């Protein structure tokens, strides 16, 4: 089971967003059968089985084992990931495009950049899984408390200068076997836990 999986297919995204199916995905962190799940989610086994088949058809749950119980074969299912992220690729016709209105200070542009990040990393994860390889990535995540808007603006300017300097130092357009990497740095207000 993956810790996070990216849903790139629009039909799989639609299936995962159904409230009953989302609850079943959460319940399937550990293997369970339709009968076991029916008791947990207070639904008839047949209805649970119907939803499990839909989730399985889209690769969101997988068969772990089959157990024979009298005349019945009990199918033990498990979610393929602990959590899921829906890629903008699933909404191809309306996915955000950061190139449409680049504005370093716009929250909507930041959201478009974040959408592209999810799309790109999702595609990289999918490709790497098919090739049985890892993806070379690096991320920082932290918080800073600014005393004033002026301090925040000064921080943003200093950060932009530092990143531009680093990119200039290491970028080599002539490197024959070099591979381009995207650098995304974002600063936004923190959202309180539980919001």
Protein backbone atom coordinates (compact mmCIF):
# COMPACT_ATOMS: atom_id res chain seq x y z
CA UNK A 1 0.00 0.00 0.00
CA UNK A 2 1.30 3.45 -0.95
CA UNK A 3 1.14 6.30 1.56
CA UNK A 4 -0.24 8.62 -1.16
CA UNK A 5 -1.53 7.80 -4.64
CA UNK A 6 -2.39 10.25 -7.39
CA UNK A 7 -5.67 9.80 -9.24
CA UNK A 8 -5.17 10.93 -12.83
CA UNK A 9 -8.23 9.37 -14.48
CA UNK A 10 -11.48 11.40 -14.43
CA UNK A 11 -13.66 8.29 -13.98
CA UNK A 12 -11.53 7.13 -11.03
CA UNK A 13 -11.77 10.62 -9.53
CA UNK A 14 -15.55 10.53 -9.84
CA UNK A 15 -15.71 7.09 -8.23
CA UNK A 16 -13.47 8.17 -5.34
CA UNK A 17 -15.52 11.28 -4.58
CA UNK A 18 -18.73 9.38 -3.85
CA UNK A 19 -19.21 9.74 -0.05
CA UNK A 20 -19.88 6.04 0.54
CA UNK A 21 -16.89 4.98 -1.54
CA UNK A 22 -14.64 7.54 0.16
CA UNK A 23 -15.68 6.09 3.52
CA UNK A 24 -14.97 2.55 2.28
CA UNK A 25 -11.52 3.66 1.13
CA UNK A 26 -10.84 5.03 4.60
CA UNK A 27 -12.04 1.78 6.20
CA UNK A 28 -9.81 -0.28 3.92
CA UNK A 29 -6.50 0.82 5.42
CA UNK A 30 -6.59 -2.76 6.74
CA UNK A 31 -7.96 -5.63 4.62
CA UNK A 32 -11.65 -6.35 5.04
CA UNK A 33 -14.46 -8.16 3.25
CA UNK A 34 -17.77 -6.70 2.09
CA UNK A 35 -19.44 -8.41 5.05
CA UNK A 36 -16.99 -6.90 7.52
CA UNK A 37 -17.37 -3.44 5.98
CA UNK A 38 -21.17 -3.66 5.90
CA UNK A 39 -21.21 -3.86 9.68
CA UNK A 40 -18.83 -0.91 10.03
CA UNK A 41 -20.64 1.43 7.65
CA UNK A 42 -24.19 0.22 8.40
CA UNK A 43 -25.07 -0.73 4.82
CA UNK A 44 -26.25 -4.02 3.27
CA UNK A 45 -23.39 -6.30 2.17
CA UNK A 46 -24.67 -6.29 -1.44
CA UNK A 47 -24.49 -2.49 -1.59
CA UNK A 48 -20.98 -2.50 -0.10
CA UNK A 49 -19.93 -5.16 -2.61
CA UNK A 50 -21.30 -3.04 -5.46
CA UNK A 51 -19.19 -0.06 -4.34
CA UNK A 52 -16.11 -2.24 -3.81
CA UNK A 53 -16.38 -3.52 -7.38
CA UNK A 54 -16.47 0.07 -8.67
CA UNK A 55 -13.43 1.01 -6.59
CA UNK A 56 -11.60 -2.13 -7.73
CA UNK A 57 -12.38 -1.44 -11.40
CA UNK A 58 -10.52 1.87 -11.07
CA UNK A 59 -7.52 0.52 -9.14
CA UNK A 60 -8.42 2.19 -5.85
CA UNK A 61 -8.79 -1.10 -3.96
CA UNK A 62 -7.15 -4.45 -4.57
CA UNK A 63 -7.81 -8.06 -3.75
CA UNK A 64 -5.53 -9.22 -0.94
CA UNK A 65 -6.85 -12.74 -0.44
CA UNK A 66 -9.81 -15.00 -1.05
CA UNK A 67 -11.18 -17.12 1.80
CA UNK A 68 -13.54 -20.01 1.35
CA UNK A 69 -16.43 -19.99 3.86
CA UNK A 70 -18.86 -22.83 3.16
CA UNK A 71 -20.42 -22.16 -0.24
CA UNK A 72 -19.13 -18.59 -0.36
CA UNK A 73 -15.76 -17.14 -1.28
CA UNK A 74 -14.99 -14.13 0.87
CA UNK A 75 -12.88 -11.52 -0.93
CA UNK A 76 -10.54 -9.57 1.36
CA UNK A 77 -9.93 -6.12 -0.12
CA UNK A 78 -7.54 -3.31 0.78
CA UNK A 79 -7.13 0.28 -0.42
CA UNK A 80 -4.18 0.72 -2.75
CA UNK A 81 -3.08 3.81 -0.76
CA UNK A 82 -3.58 5.39 2.63
CA UNK A 83 -4.60 8.65 0.98
CA UNK A 84 -5.30 9.99 -2.49
CA UNK A 85 -4.75 13.25 -4.36
CA UNK A 86 -6.77 14.03 -7.46
CA UNK A 87 -4.53 15.39 -10.19
CA UNK A 88 -5.68 18.29 -12.35
CA UNK A 89 -5.11 15.82 -15.21
CA UNK A 90 -8.44 14.25 -14.18
CA UNK A 91 -10.07 17.55 -15.21
CA UNK A 92 -7.99 17.99 -18.35
CA UNK A 93 -10.30 20.46 -20.09
CA UNK A 94 -10.37 22.82 -17.10
CA UNK A 95 -7.08 22.16 -15.32
CA UNK A 96 -5.27 25.31 -14.16
CA UNK A 97 -2.55 26.77 -16.36
CA UNK A 98 -0.01 28.96 -14.53
CA UNK A 99 1.08 30.46 -17.86
CA UNK A 100 -2.29 32.20 -18.28
CA UNK A 101 -1.68 34.92 -15.73
CA UNK A 102 1.69 34.71 -13.99
CA UNK A 103 1.54 36.96 -10.93
CA UNK A 104 3.89 36.11 -8.06
CA UNK A 105 1.57 37.80 -5.58
CA UNK A 106 -1.70 36.17 -6.68
CA UNK A 107 -3.19 33.38 -4.56
CA UNK A 108 -4.98 32.05 -7.67
CA UNK A 109 -1.69 31.85 -9.57
CA UNK A 110 -0.16 30.02 -6.58
CA UNK A 111 -3.06 27.56 -6.77
CA UNK A 112 -2.44 27.04 -10.51
CA UNK A 113 1.26 26.41 -9.80
CA UNK A 114 0.33 23.95 -7.03
CA UNK A 115 -2.04 22.20 -9.44
CA UNK A 116 0.75 21.86 -11.98
CA UNK A 117 3.00 20.51 -9.21
CA UNK A 118 0.44 17.82 -8.32
CA UNK A 119 -0.02 16.95 -12.00
CA UNK A 120 3.71 16.75 -12.74
CA UNK A 121 4.66 14.78 -9.62
CA UNK A 122 1.71 12.44 -10.20
CA UNK A 123 2.90 11.73 -13.73
CA UNK A 124 6.47 11.22 -12.46
CA UNK A 125 5.27 8.78 -9.78
CA UNK A 126 3.22 6.83 -12.32
CA UNK A 127 6.14 6.64 -14.76
CA UNK A 128 8.62 5.70 -12.06
CA UNK A 129 6.33 2.94 -10.76
CA UNK A 130 6.08 1.45 -14.27
CA UNK A 131 9.89 1.57 -14.59
CA UNK A 132 10.35 0.31 -11.02
CA UNK A 133 12.41 3.40 -10.14
CA UNK A 134 12.31 6.23 -7.63
CA UNK A 135 11.68 9.87 -8.46
CA UNK A 136 14.45 12.31 -7.50
CA UNK A 137 12.62 15.00 -5.55
CA UNK A 138 13.24 17.32 -2.62
CA UNK A 139 10.78 19.38 -0.59
CA UNK A 140 10.89 21.82 2.31
CA UNK A 141 7.91 22.57 4.50
CA UNK A 142 7.93 24.96 7.41
CA UNK A 143 6.38 28.01 8.99
CA UNK A 144 7.62 31.49 9.71
CA UNK A 145 5.84 34.16 11.75
CA UNK A 146 6.25 37.69 10.40
CA UNK A 147 6.03 40.72 12.68
CA UNK A 148 4.61 42.89 9.91
CA UNK A 149 3.58 42.93 6.25
CA UNK A 150 6.81 44.81 5.53
CA UNK A 151 8.83 41.94 7.04
CA UNK A 152 6.87 39.47 4.91
CA UNK A 153 7.60 41.50 1.77
CA UNK A 154 11.30 41.77 2.66
CA UNK A 155 11.45 38.02 3.30
CA UNK A 156 9.82 37.30 -0.08
CA UNK A 157 12.31 39.56 -1.86
CA UNK A 158 15.30 38.05 -0.08
CA UNK A 159 14.02 34.53 -0.76
CA UNK A 160 13.55 35.33 -4.47
CA UNK A 161 17.08 36.72 -4.66
CA UNK A 162 18.57 33.67 -2.90
CA UNK A 163 16.72 31.20 -5.13
CA UNK A 164 17.64 33.15 -8.28
CA UNK A 165 21.29 33.13 -7.18
CA UNK A 166 21.23 29.37 -6.56
CA UNK A 167 19.54 28.66 -9.89
CA UNK A 168 22.11 30.83 -11.67
CA UNK A 169 24.94 29.01 -9.91
CA UNK A 170 23.81 25.47 -10.78
CA UNK A 171 21.85 25.81 -14.03
CA UNK A 172 23.87 24.49 -16.98
CA UNK A 173 22.06 24.82 -20.30
CA UNK A 174 24.97 23.05 -22.08
CA UNK A 175 24.98 19.89 -19.92
CA UNK A 176 24.40 17.14 -22.49
CA UNK A 177 23.08 14.59 -20.02
CA UNK A 178 21.55 17.15 -17.71
CA UNK A 179 17.89 17.00 -16.75
CA UNK A 180 15.77 20.04 -16.02
CA UNK A 181 14.14 20.23 -12.61
CA UNK A 182 11.30 22.57 -11.65
CA UNK A 183 11.77 24.71 -8.53
CA UNK A 184 8.60 25.81 -6.75
CA UNK A 185 8.79 28.04 -3.67
CA UNK A 186 5.59 29.27 -2.07
CA UNK A 187 4.77 31.45 0.89
CA UNK A 188 1.16 31.65 2.08
CA UNK A 189 -0.64 32.15 5.38
CA UNK A 190 -0.90 28.97 7.44
CA UNK A 191 -4.34 27.42 7.86
CA UNK A 192 -5.08 26.46 11.48
CA UNK A 193 -5.22 22.71 12.22
CA UNK A 194 -8.73 21.28 11.90
CA UNK A 195 -9.97 24.00 9.53
